[in-house]
Each structure stands twice: as C-alpha cells, then as structure tokens.
Amino acid sequence: MEQLDKQTQTELEAAAFRRLLKHLDDNRDVQNIDLMILADFCRNCLSKWLVTAAEERHVELDLESAREHVYGMPYSEWKAHHQPPATDEQLKALEARQNAKEKPSS
C-alpha cells in the first residue's frame, strides 16, 4: 500500500470498511458480545471509532447517527430485532477475556 497515493489508499480503506459493514449486516446472527469475545471489537466500537474520527477532523457526528450508519437502522430497532440477551456462557467468556487483557504478560 506504500506505493499508493493518499487518495487511493483512503478510497481503498473506505471500500474495505463499507464491505465490513455489509458483511456484518449480512451476518446479523453474529452477536456483538461474540465479536468482543473473539476480536475485542464490535459494531458499537466501529460506531465510536467513526465519532472519534469525525472529532479529529472537527466534523460533527453524534453517536446515534454513527450507530445508524453501522447498523443500517436505528440502534434501538437493531437491538429489538437482532440482539437477544447475552447468555451466561457469553458473559463469562467476555469477563475472562477482559480479565486476561488486564493481567500483565510475563
């Protein structure tokens, strides 16, 4: 990617981001908590990263608008239709992941 000009690199990264959003939208059965357990990020993280990127560029973007972009619908609607309550197993796995991150590596 070093050989690409900045505009082309930005366009490719934007296209990859749009493809990631489509992939997540096509796989709504993959829960945010599962993404957090496996990859330490989720759809909400992407929303927050968009807001941070906007702030860094002095562009106004509120979290709800960013979430609607990432989820393809209002967050409350997505939650109601696609996000069942986390299971005890999921909660334990997330807690274990977070605890593992907090421990200093030897």
N, C-alpha and C. Protein backbone atom coordinates (compact mmCIF):
# COMPACT_ATOMS: atom_id res chain seq x y z
N MET A 1 0.82 -1.20 0.00
CA MET A 1 0.00 0.00 0.00
C MET A 1 0.87 1.26 0.00
N GLU A 2 2.12 1.12 0.34
CA GLU A 2 3.01 2.29 0.39
C GLU A 2 3.11 3.00 -0.95
N GLN A 3 3.00 2.23 -2.04
CA GLN A 3 3.17 2.81 -3.36
C GLN A 3 1.96 3.61 -3.82
N LEU A 4 0.85 3.50 -3.09
CA LEU A 4 -0.37 4.20 -3.47
C LEU A 4 -0.36 5.64 -3.00
N ASP A 5 -0.98 6.50 -3.78
CA ASP A 5 -1.13 7.87 -3.31
C ASP A 5 -2.17 7.89 -2.20
N LYS A 6 -2.16 8.92 -1.40
CA LYS A 6 -3.00 9.02 -0.20
C LYS A 6 -4.49 8.90 -0.54
N GLN A 7 -4.92 9.53 -1.63
CA GLN A 7 -6.33 9.49 -2.02
C GLN A 7 -6.77 8.06 -2.36
N THR A 8 -5.95 7.34 -3.11
CA THR A 8 -6.28 5.97 -3.48
C THR A 8 -6.31 5.09 -2.25
N GLN A 9 -5.34 5.28 -1.36
CA GLN A 9 -5.31 4.50 -0.13
C GLN A 9 -6.58 4.75 0.69
N THR A 10 -6.97 5.99 0.81
CA THR A 10 -8.18 6.34 1.56
C THR A 10 -9.41 5.71 0.91
N GLU A 11 -9.48 5.74 -0.41
CA GLU A 11 -10.62 5.14 -1.12
C GLU A 11 -10.68 3.64 -0.91
N LEU A 12 -9.53 2.98 -0.93
CA LEU A 12 -9.49 1.53 -0.71
C LEU A 12 -9.89 1.19 0.72
N GLU A 13 -9.38 1.97 1.67
CA GLU A 13 -9.74 1.73 3.06
C GLU A 13 -11.25 1.96 3.28
N ALA A 14 -11.79 2.98 2.66
CA ALA A 14 -13.23 3.25 2.78
C ALA A 14 -14.04 2.11 2.16
N ALA A 15 -13.59 1.60 1.03
CA ALA A 15 -14.29 0.48 0.39
C ALA A 15 -14.24 -0.76 1.27
N ALA A 16 -13.09 -1.00 1.89
CA ALA A 16 -12.97 -2.15 2.78
C ALA A 16 -13.88 -1.99 4.00
N PHE A 17 -13.98 -0.77 4.52
CA PHE A 17 -14.86 -0.50 5.66
C PHE A 17 -16.32 -0.73 5.27
N ARG A 18 -16.71 -0.26 4.09
CA ARG A 18 -18.09 -0.49 3.63
C ARG A 18 -18.35 -1.99 3.47
N ARG A 19 -17.36 -2.72 2.99
CA ARG A 19 -17.53 -4.17 2.84
C ARG A 19 -17.65 -4.84 4.21
N LEU A 20 -16.88 -4.39 5.18
CA LEU A 20 -17.01 -4.91 6.55
C LEU A 20 -18.41 -4.66 7.08
N LEU A 21 -18.94 -3.45 6.89
CA LEU A 21 -20.29 -3.15 7.36
C LEU A 21 -21.31 -4.06 6.68
N LYS A 22 -21.16 -4.29 5.37
CA LYS A 22 -22.08 -5.18 4.66
C LYS A 22 -21.96 -6.60 5.18
N HIS A 23 -20.74 -7.04 5.43
CA HIS A 23 -20.52 -8.38 5.96
C HIS A 23 -21.20 -8.54 7.31
N LEU A 24 -21.04 -7.55 8.18
CA LEU A 24 -21.70 -7.60 9.49
C LEU A 24 -23.22 -7.57 9.32
N ASP A 25 -23.71 -6.78 8.38
CA ASP A 25 -25.15 -6.71 8.14
C ASP A 25 -25.68 -8.03 7.59
N ASP A 26 -24.89 -8.68 6.76
CA ASP A 26 -25.29 -9.97 6.20
C ASP A 26 -25.22 -11.10 7.23
N ASN A 27 -24.55 -10.84 8.34
CA ASN A 27 -24.36 -11.85 9.39
C ASN A 27 -24.87 -11.33 10.73
N ARG A 28 -26.11 -10.93 10.74
CA ARG A 28 -26.70 -10.35 11.95
C ARG A 28 -26.78 -11.34 13.10
N ASP A 29 -26.68 -12.63 12.79
CA ASP A 29 -26.71 -13.64 13.84
C ASP A 29 -25.45 -13.59 14.69
N VAL A 30 -24.40 -12.98 14.19
CA VAL A 30 -23.17 -12.82 14.98
C VAL A 30 -23.41 -11.65 15.94
N GLN A 31 -23.44 -11.99 17.20
CA GLN A 31 -23.76 -11.01 18.23
C GLN A 31 -22.54 -10.15 18.58
N ASN A 32 -22.81 -8.93 19.02
CA ASN A 32 -21.74 -8.03 19.43
C ASN A 32 -20.87 -8.66 20.52
N ILE A 33 -21.50 -9.33 21.47
CA ILE A 33 -20.72 -9.92 22.56
C ILE A 33 -19.77 -10.99 22.02
N ASP A 34 -20.22 -11.74 21.01
CA ASP A 34 -19.34 -12.74 20.40
C ASP A 34 -18.16 -12.08 19.69
N LEU A 35 -18.42 -10.97 19.02
CA LEU A 35 -17.33 -10.22 18.39
C LEU A 35 -16.34 -9.72 19.45
N MET A 36 -16.87 -9.23 20.57
CA MET A 36 -16.00 -8.74 21.64
C MET A 36 -15.15 -9.87 22.22
N ILE A 37 -15.75 -11.03 22.38
CA ILE A 37 -15.03 -12.18 22.93
C ILE A 37 -13.90 -12.60 21.98
N LEU A 38 -14.23 -12.69 20.70
CA LEU A 38 -13.27 -13.20 19.72
C LEU A 38 -12.28 -12.17 19.21
N ALA A 39 -12.75 -10.94 19.00
CA ALA A 39 -11.91 -9.96 18.30
C ALA A 39 -11.68 -8.67 19.07
N ASP A 40 -12.30 -8.54 20.23
CA ASP A 40 -12.14 -7.35 21.08
C ASP A 40 -12.63 -6.08 20.40
N PHE A 41 -13.63 -6.20 19.51
CA PHE A 41 -14.33 -5.06 18.96
C PHE A 41 -15.70 -5.53 18.52
N CYS A 42 -16.61 -4.58 18.35
CA CYS A 42 -17.96 -4.93 17.89
C CYS A 42 -18.51 -3.78 17.07
N ARG A 43 -19.76 -3.88 16.70
CA ARG A 43 -20.40 -2.84 15.91
C ARG A 43 -20.41 -1.51 16.66
N ASN A 44 -20.62 -1.56 17.99
CA ASN A 44 -20.60 -0.32 18.77
C ASN A 44 -19.22 0.33 18.75
N CYS A 45 -18.18 -0.49 18.76
CA CYS A 45 -16.82 0.05 18.67
C CYS A 45 -16.64 0.79 17.35
N LEU A 46 -17.10 0.19 16.27
CA LEU A 46 -16.99 0.85 14.96
C LEU A 46 -17.71 2.20 14.99
N SER A 47 -18.87 2.24 15.62
CA SER A 47 -19.62 3.49 15.72
C SER A 47 -18.82 4.54 16.48
N LYS A 48 -18.24 4.13 17.59
CA LYS A 48 -17.45 5.06 18.40
C LYS A 48 -16.20 5.51 17.66
N TRP A 49 -15.59 4.61 16.89
CA TRP A 49 -14.40 4.98 16.11
C TRP A 49 -14.77 6.00 15.03
N LEU A 50 -15.95 5.88 14.45
CA LEU A 50 -16.41 6.88 13.47
C LEU A 50 -16.55 8.25 14.14
N VAL A 51 -17.15 8.27 15.32
CA VAL A 51 -17.32 9.53 16.04
C VAL A 51 -15.96 10.14 16.36
N THR A 52 -15.03 9.32 16.82
CA THR A 52 -13.68 9.81 17.14
C THR A 52 -13.01 10.37 15.89
N ALA A 53 -13.12 9.65 14.77
CA ALA A 53 -12.53 10.13 13.51
C ALA A 53 -13.13 11.47 13.10
N ALA A 54 -14.44 11.60 13.28
CA ALA A 54 -15.10 12.87 12.96
C ALA A 54 -14.58 13.99 13.86
N GLU A 55 -14.48 13.71 15.15
CA GLU A 55 -13.98 14.72 16.09
C GLU A 55 -12.57 15.17 15.73
N GLU A 56 -11.72 14.22 15.34
CA GLU A 56 -10.34 14.55 14.97
C GLU A 56 -10.29 15.47 13.76
N ARG A 57 -11.34 15.44 12.94
CA ARG A 57 -11.40 16.27 11.74
C ARG A 57 -12.34 17.46 11.93
N HIS A 58 -12.75 17.68 13.17
CA HIS A 58 -13.66 18.78 13.53
C HIS A 58 -14.96 18.71 12.74
N VAL A 59 -15.47 17.49 12.59
CA VAL A 59 -16.74 17.24 11.93
C VAL A 59 -17.72 16.76 13.00
N GLU A 60 -18.92 17.29 12.96
CA GLU A 60 -19.91 16.90 13.95
C GLU A 60 -20.59 15.59 13.52
N LEU A 61 -20.52 14.59 14.38
CA LEU A 61 -21.18 13.31 14.16
C LEU A 61 -21.53 12.75 15.53
N ASP A 62 -22.82 12.63 15.80
CA ASP A 62 -23.21 12.09 17.10
C ASP A 62 -23.23 10.57 17.05
N LEU A 63 -23.16 9.96 18.22
CA LEU A 63 -23.06 8.51 18.33
C LEU A 63 -24.27 7.80 17.71
N GLU A 64 -25.46 8.32 17.91
CA GLU A 64 -26.64 7.66 17.36
C GLU A 64 -26.62 7.66 15.83
N SER A 65 -26.16 8.73 15.23
CA SER A 65 -26.05 8.76 13.76
C SER A 65 -24.99 7.77 13.28
N ALA A 66 -23.89 7.70 14.00
CA ALA A 66 -22.84 6.74 13.64
C ALA A 66 -23.36 5.32 13.79
N ARG A 67 -24.07 5.05 14.86
CA ARG A 67 -24.64 3.71 15.06
C ARG A 67 -25.62 3.36 13.94
N GLU A 68 -26.45 4.31 13.56
CA GLU A 68 -27.42 4.04 12.48
C GLU A 68 -26.69 3.71 11.19
N HIS A 69 -25.57 4.36 10.94
CA HIS A 69 -24.76 4.06 9.75
C HIS A 69 -24.19 2.64 9.84
N VAL A 70 -23.63 2.30 10.97
CA VAL A 70 -23.01 0.99 11.15
C VAL A 70 -24.05 -0.12 11.14
N TYR A 71 -25.15 0.08 11.83
CA TYR A 71 -26.18 -0.96 11.94
C TYR A 71 -27.15 -0.99 10.76
N GLY A 72 -27.19 0.09 9.98
CA GLY A 72 -28.11 0.15 8.85
C GLY A 72 -29.54 0.45 9.26
N MET A 73 -29.73 0.83 10.49
CA MET A 73 -31.05 1.16 11.04
C MET A 73 -30.80 1.77 12.42
N PRO A 74 -31.81 2.39 13.02
CA PRO A 74 -31.60 2.90 14.39
C PRO A 74 -31.17 1.77 15.32
N TYR A 75 -30.25 2.09 16.20
CA TYR A 75 -29.69 1.07 17.11
C TYR A 75 -30.78 0.38 17.92
N SER A 76 -31.75 1.14 18.41
CA SER A 76 -32.81 0.54 19.22
C SER A 76 -33.60 -0.49 18.41
N GLU A 77 -33.81 -0.21 17.14
CA GLU A 77 -34.53 -1.16 16.27
C GLU A 77 -33.68 -2.42 16.05
N TRP A 78 -32.39 -2.23 15.81
CA TRP A 78 -31.50 -3.38 15.60
C TRP A 78 -31.48 -4.25 16.85
N LYS A 79 -31.35 -3.61 18.00
CA LYS A 79 -31.33 -4.36 19.26
C LYS A 79 -32.61 -5.16 19.45
N ALA A 80 -33.73 -4.55 19.16
CA ALA A 80 -35.02 -5.21 19.37
C ALA A 80 -35.20 -6.41 18.43
N HIS A 81 -34.65 -6.33 17.23
CA HIS A 81 -34.86 -7.40 16.24
C HIS A 81 -33.72 -8.42 16.15
N HIS A 82 -32.52 -8.02 16.55
CA HIS A 82 -31.37 -8.88 16.26
C HIS A 82 -30.46 -9.18 17.44
N GLN A 83 -30.75 -8.65 18.61
CA GLN A 83 -29.84 -8.84 19.74
C GLN A 83 -30.56 -9.45 20.93
N PRO A 84 -30.51 -10.78 21.04
CA PRO A 84 -31.10 -11.41 22.22
C PRO A 84 -30.22 -11.14 23.44
N PRO A 85 -30.75 -11.34 24.62
CA PRO A 85 -29.93 -11.16 25.83
C PRO A 85 -28.72 -12.10 25.79
N ALA A 86 -27.63 -11.62 26.33
CA ALA A 86 -26.41 -12.44 26.40
C ALA A 86 -26.65 -13.64 27.31
N THR A 87 -26.07 -14.75 26.91
CA THR A 87 -26.18 -15.96 27.74
C THR A 87 -25.16 -15.88 28.87
N ASP A 88 -25.34 -16.72 29.88
CA ASP A 88 -24.36 -16.79 30.97
C ASP A 88 -22.99 -17.17 30.43
N GLU A 89 -22.95 -18.08 29.45
CA GLU A 89 -21.68 -18.50 28.86
C GLU A 89 -20.98 -17.34 28.16
N GLN A 90 -21.75 -16.54 27.43
CA GLN A 90 -21.17 -15.39 26.75
C GLN A 90 -20.62 -14.38 27.76
N LEU A 91 -21.38 -14.12 28.79
CA LEU A 91 -20.93 -13.17 29.81
C LEU A 91 -19.67 -13.64 30.50
N LYS A 92 -19.60 -14.93 30.80
CA LYS A 92 -18.39 -15.49 31.44
C LYS A 92 -17.20 -15.41 30.50
N ALA A 93 -17.41 -15.71 29.22
CA ALA A 93 -16.32 -15.65 28.24
C ALA A 93 -15.82 -14.22 28.07
N LEU A 94 -16.74 -13.25 28.04
CA LEU A 94 -16.33 -11.85 27.92
C LEU A 94 -15.56 -11.41 29.16
N GLU A 95 -16.03 -11.79 30.32
CA GLU A 95 -15.33 -11.45 31.57
C GLU A 95 -13.93 -12.07 31.58
N ALA A 96 -13.81 -13.31 31.15
CA ALA A 96 -12.50 -13.97 31.09
C ALA A 96 -11.57 -13.23 30.13
N ARG A 97 -12.10 -12.81 28.99
CA ARG A 97 -11.28 -12.07 28.02
C ARG A 97 -10.81 -10.74 28.61
N GLN A 98 -11.72 -10.04 29.25
CA GLN A 98 -11.36 -8.75 29.85
C GLN A 98 -10.34 -8.93 30.97
N ASN A 99 -10.51 -9.98 31.78
CA ASN A 99 -9.55 -10.25 32.85
C ASN A 99 -8.19 -10.60 32.29
N ALA A 100 -8.16 -11.36 31.20
CA ALA A 100 -6.90 -11.74 30.57
C ALA A 100 -6.18 -10.52 30.02
N LYS A 101 -6.93 -9.55 29.51
CA LYS A 101 -6.33 -8.32 28.98
C LYS A 101 -5.71 -7.48 30.08
N GLU A 102 -6.31 -7.53 31.27
CA GLU A 102 -5.85 -6.70 32.39
C GLU A 102 -4.58 -7.24 33.03
N LYS A 103 -4.33 -8.54 32.90
CA LYS A 103 -3.15 -9.14 33.52
C LYS A 103 -1.91 -8.80 32.68
N PRO A 104 -0.87 -8.32 33.33
CA PRO A 104 0.36 -8.04 32.58
C PRO A 104 0.98 -9.35 32.08
N SER A 105 1.45 -9.31 30.85
CA SER A 105 2.09 -10.51 30.30
C SER A 105 3.51 -10.65 30.87
N SER A 106 3.94 -11.88 30.99
CA SER A 106 5.27 -12.16 31.58
C SER A 106 6.34 -12.09 30.54
